[in-house]
Amino acid sequence: MPNSYAYHTLKKQFSDLWLQQGSGLGRTFRKIAPTLRIDYIFINPWLESKQIKRIQTTGSDHYGLLADVRIKQKAP
């Protein structure tokens, strides 16, 4: 959750990919709070991404997140 200790701890070393490249609110939970984004993909400086998107899933009350991530040629 964006206001959680865990989220802020991860944000110190990693980037929230949805904030960098996502479109819209990025909500991932359909049931209790359909506007809430509770699923994340974090990347470190050695990775880069061309896209992230939310996808339909079956058998879950969450939408899926799909990202195209690759290792950069040179480490920072």
N, C-alpha and C. Protein backbone atom coordinates (compact mmCIF):
# COMPACT_ATOMS: atom_id res chain seq x y z
N MET A 1 0.84 -1.17 0.00
CA MET A 1 0.00 0.00 0.00
C MET A 1 0.89 1.25 0.00
N PRO A 2 0.52 2.27 -0.72
CA PRO A 2 1.37 3.45 -0.86
C PRO A 2 1.73 4.15 0.46
N ASN A 3 0.89 4.04 1.45
CA ASN A 3 1.18 4.69 2.73
C ASN A 3 1.82 3.76 3.73
N SER A 4 2.19 2.58 3.31
CA SER A 4 2.72 1.59 4.25
C SER A 4 4.23 1.74 4.45
N TYR A 5 4.70 1.22 5.54
CA TYR A 5 6.13 1.19 5.85
C TYR A 5 6.88 0.39 4.78
N ALA A 6 6.31 -0.75 4.38
CA ALA A 6 6.96 -1.61 3.39
C ALA A 6 7.15 -0.87 2.06
N TYR A 7 6.12 -0.16 1.61
CA TYR A 7 6.21 0.58 0.35
C TYR A 7 7.32 1.62 0.42
N HIS A 8 7.34 2.41 1.48
CA HIS A 8 8.35 3.46 1.61
C HIS A 8 9.76 2.89 1.76
N THR A 9 9.88 1.74 2.39
CA THR A 9 11.18 1.09 2.51
C THR A 9 11.68 0.65 1.14
N LEU A 10 10.81 0.04 0.34
CA LEU A 10 11.19 -0.38 -1.01
C LEU A 10 11.53 0.81 -1.90
N LYS A 11 10.79 1.90 -1.77
CA LYS A 11 11.00 3.08 -2.61
C LYS A 11 12.36 3.73 -2.37
N LYS A 12 13.02 3.42 -1.27
CA LYS A 12 14.34 3.99 -1.01
C LYS A 12 15.39 3.44 -1.97
N GLN A 13 15.21 2.20 -2.43
CA GLN A 13 16.20 1.57 -3.31
C GLN A 13 15.67 1.20 -4.68
N PHE A 14 14.36 1.19 -4.84
CA PHE A 14 13.76 0.75 -6.10
C PHE A 14 12.77 1.79 -6.60
N SER A 15 12.44 1.70 -7.88
CA SER A 15 11.46 2.60 -8.49
C SER A 15 10.14 1.86 -8.69
N ASP A 16 9.06 2.54 -8.39
CA ASP A 16 7.72 2.02 -8.63
C ASP A 16 7.45 2.20 -10.12
N LEU A 17 7.44 1.11 -10.85
CA LEU A 17 7.35 1.18 -12.31
C LEU A 17 6.06 1.83 -12.79
N TRP A 18 4.95 1.61 -12.08
CA TRP A 18 3.68 2.22 -12.51
C TRP A 18 3.78 3.75 -12.47
N LEU A 19 4.44 4.29 -11.45
CA LEU A 19 4.58 5.74 -11.37
C LEU A 19 5.43 6.28 -12.50
N GLN A 20 6.36 5.49 -13.00
CA GLN A 20 7.23 5.92 -14.10
C GLN A 20 6.54 5.83 -15.45
N GLN A 21 5.80 4.74 -15.68
CA GLN A 21 5.31 4.48 -17.04
C GLN A 21 3.84 4.10 -17.14
N GLY A 22 3.18 3.92 -16.04
CA GLY A 22 1.79 3.49 -16.08
C GLY A 22 0.85 4.59 -16.53
N SER A 23 -0.34 4.19 -16.88
CA SER A 23 -1.36 5.14 -17.33
C SER A 23 -2.57 5.03 -16.41
N GLY A 24 -3.06 6.15 -15.93
CA GLY A 24 -4.22 6.15 -15.05
C GLY A 24 -3.84 5.82 -13.61
N LEU A 25 -4.86 5.42 -12.84
CA LEU A 25 -4.66 5.14 -11.42
C LEU A 25 -3.89 3.85 -11.16
N GLY A 26 -3.97 2.92 -12.08
CA GLY A 26 -3.27 1.65 -11.89
C GLY A 26 -3.94 0.73 -10.89
N ARG A 27 -5.24 0.90 -10.70
CA ARG A 27 -5.93 0.07 -9.70
C ARG A 27 -5.82 -1.40 -10.06
N THR A 28 -5.59 -2.22 -9.05
CA THR A 28 -5.37 -3.64 -9.30
C THR A 28 -6.30 -4.54 -8.49
N PHE A 29 -7.11 -3.95 -7.62
CA PHE A 29 -7.98 -4.76 -6.77
C PHE A 29 -9.42 -4.47 -7.14
N ARG A 30 -10.18 -5.50 -7.48
CA ARG A 30 -11.54 -5.31 -8.00
C ARG A 30 -12.63 -5.30 -6.94
N LYS A 31 -12.40 -5.89 -5.80
CA LYS A 31 -13.49 -6.16 -4.87
C LYS A 31 -13.82 -5.00 -3.92
N ILE A 32 -13.19 -4.97 -2.78
CA ILE A 32 -13.57 -4.03 -1.72
C ILE A 32 -13.31 -2.58 -2.11
N ALA A 33 -12.16 -2.30 -2.65
CA ALA A 33 -11.80 -0.93 -3.01
C ALA A 33 -11.32 -0.91 -4.46
N PRO A 34 -12.23 -0.80 -5.40
CA PRO A 34 -11.85 -0.92 -6.81
C PRO A 34 -10.94 0.19 -7.33
N THR A 35 -10.72 1.24 -6.58
CA THR A 35 -9.81 2.29 -7.02
C THR A 35 -8.44 2.18 -6.36
N LEU A 36 -8.24 1.13 -5.58
CA LEU A 36 -7.01 0.98 -4.82
C LEU A 36 -5.95 0.21 -5.60
N ARG A 37 -4.75 0.75 -5.63
CA ARG A 37 -3.62 0.06 -6.26
C ARG A 37 -2.81 -0.61 -5.16
N ILE A 38 -2.86 -1.95 -5.12
CA ILE A 38 -2.17 -2.68 -4.06
C ILE A 38 -1.15 -3.68 -4.60
N ASP A 39 -0.98 -3.72 -5.90
CA ASP A 39 0.01 -4.61 -6.52
C ASP A 39 1.02 -3.74 -7.26
N TYR A 40 2.29 -4.11 -7.13
CA TYR A 40 3.36 -3.25 -7.62
C TYR A 40 4.44 -4.07 -8.33
N ILE A 41 5.15 -3.41 -9.21
CA ILE A 41 6.39 -3.93 -9.76
C ILE A 41 7.44 -2.87 -9.48
N PHE A 42 8.46 -3.25 -8.73
CA PHE A 42 9.57 -2.37 -8.42
C PHE A 42 10.79 -2.81 -9.23
N ILE A 43 11.55 -1.85 -9.73
CA ILE A 43 12.78 -2.18 -10.45
C ILE A 43 13.95 -1.41 -9.83
N ASN A 44 15.14 -1.98 -9.98
CA ASN A 44 16.34 -1.32 -9.47
C ASN A 44 17.02 -0.57 -10.62
N PRO A 45 18.06 0.22 -10.33
CA PRO A 45 18.71 1.01 -11.39
C PRO A 45 19.37 0.19 -12.49
N TRP A 46 19.57 -1.09 -12.29
CA TRP A 46 20.19 -1.93 -13.31
C TRP A 46 19.18 -2.43 -14.34
N LEU A 47 17.92 -2.15 -14.11
CA LEU A 47 16.86 -2.60 -15.01
C LEU A 47 16.22 -1.41 -15.70
N GLU A 48 15.66 -1.68 -16.87
CA GLU A 48 14.87 -0.66 -17.56
C GLU A 48 13.63 -1.33 -18.14
N SER A 49 12.63 -0.53 -18.35
CA SER A 49 11.37 -1.06 -18.85
C SER A 49 10.85 -0.19 -19.98
N LYS A 50 10.21 -0.84 -20.93
CA LYS A 50 9.58 -0.11 -22.02
C LYS A 50 8.11 0.14 -21.75
N GLN A 51 7.49 -0.75 -20.96
CA GLN A 51 6.07 -0.57 -20.69
C GLN A 51 5.64 -1.37 -19.47
N ILE A 52 4.54 -0.93 -18.89
CA ILE A 52 3.83 -1.67 -17.86
C ILE A 52 2.35 -1.48 -18.15
N LYS A 53 1.59 -2.54 -18.00
CA LYS A 53 0.15 -2.41 -18.21
C LYS A 53 -0.60 -3.36 -17.30
N ARG A 54 -1.84 -3.02 -17.07
CA ARG A 54 -2.74 -3.86 -16.28
C ARG A 54 -3.44 -4.81 -17.24
N ILE A 55 -3.56 -6.07 -16.84
CA ILE A 55 -4.20 -7.06 -17.71
C ILE A 55 -5.33 -7.76 -16.97
N GLN A 56 -6.29 -8.25 -17.73
CA GLN A 56 -7.40 -9.02 -17.17
C GLN A 56 -6.89 -10.39 -16.72
N THR A 57 -7.41 -10.87 -15.63
CA THR A 57 -7.06 -12.20 -15.13
C THR A 57 -8.33 -12.95 -14.78
N THR A 58 -8.21 -14.26 -14.72
CA THR A 58 -9.33 -15.07 -14.26
C THR A 58 -8.89 -15.79 -12.99
N GLY A 59 -9.83 -16.07 -12.13
CA GLY A 59 -9.52 -16.81 -10.92
C GLY A 59 -8.89 -15.98 -9.82
N SER A 60 -8.95 -14.66 -9.94
CA SER A 60 -8.38 -13.79 -8.91
C SER A 60 -9.21 -12.53 -8.79
N ASP A 61 -9.19 -11.92 -7.62
CA ASP A 61 -9.87 -10.64 -7.45
C ASP A 61 -8.92 -9.47 -7.72
N HIS A 62 -7.74 -9.78 -8.24
CA HIS A 62 -6.76 -8.76 -8.63
C HIS A 62 -6.60 -8.77 -10.15
N TYR A 63 -6.34 -7.59 -10.70
CA TYR A 63 -5.88 -7.53 -12.08
C TYR A 63 -4.40 -7.87 -12.08
N GLY A 64 -3.90 -8.35 -13.19
CA GLY A 64 -2.48 -8.63 -13.30
C GLY A 64 -1.72 -7.40 -13.77
N LEU A 65 -0.44 -7.38 -13.49
CA LEU A 65 0.46 -6.36 -14.03
C LEU A 65 1.47 -7.05 -14.92
N LEU A 66 1.68 -6.51 -16.09
CA LEU A 66 2.62 -7.07 -17.04
C LEU A 66 3.61 -5.98 -17.44
N ALA A 67 4.89 -6.27 -17.29
CA ALA A 67 5.92 -5.28 -17.63
C ALA A 67 6.96 -5.92 -18.54
N ASP A 68 7.45 -5.12 -19.45
CA ASP A 68 8.55 -5.51 -20.33
C ASP A 68 9.82 -4.93 -19.71
N VAL A 69 10.61 -5.79 -19.05
CA VAL A 69 11.78 -5.35 -18.30
C VAL A 69 13.02 -6.04 -18.86
N ARG A 70 14.12 -5.29 -18.94
CA ARG A 70 15.37 -5.90 -19.38
C ARG A 70 16.52 -5.34 -18.55
N ILE A 71 17.62 -6.06 -18.56
CA ILE A 71 18.82 -5.64 -17.86
C ILE A 71 19.55 -4.62 -18.73
N LYS A 72 19.96 -3.52 -18.14
CA LYS A 72 20.71 -2.50 -18.89
C LYS A 72 22.07 -3.07 -19.29
N GLN A 73 22.63 -2.55 -20.34
CA GLN A 73 23.93 -3.02 -20.83
C GLN A 73 25.04 -2.80 -19.82
N LYS A 74 25.03 -1.64 -19.17
CA LYS A 74 26.07 -1.32 -18.20
C LYS A 74 25.43 -1.06 -16.85
N ALA A 75 26.00 -1.64 -15.83
CA ALA A 75 25.51 -1.38 -14.48
C ALA A 75 25.86 0.05 -14.08
N PRO A 76 25.00 0.70 -13.28
CA PRO A 76 25.29 2.10 -12.88
C PRO A 76 26.49 2.19 -11.96
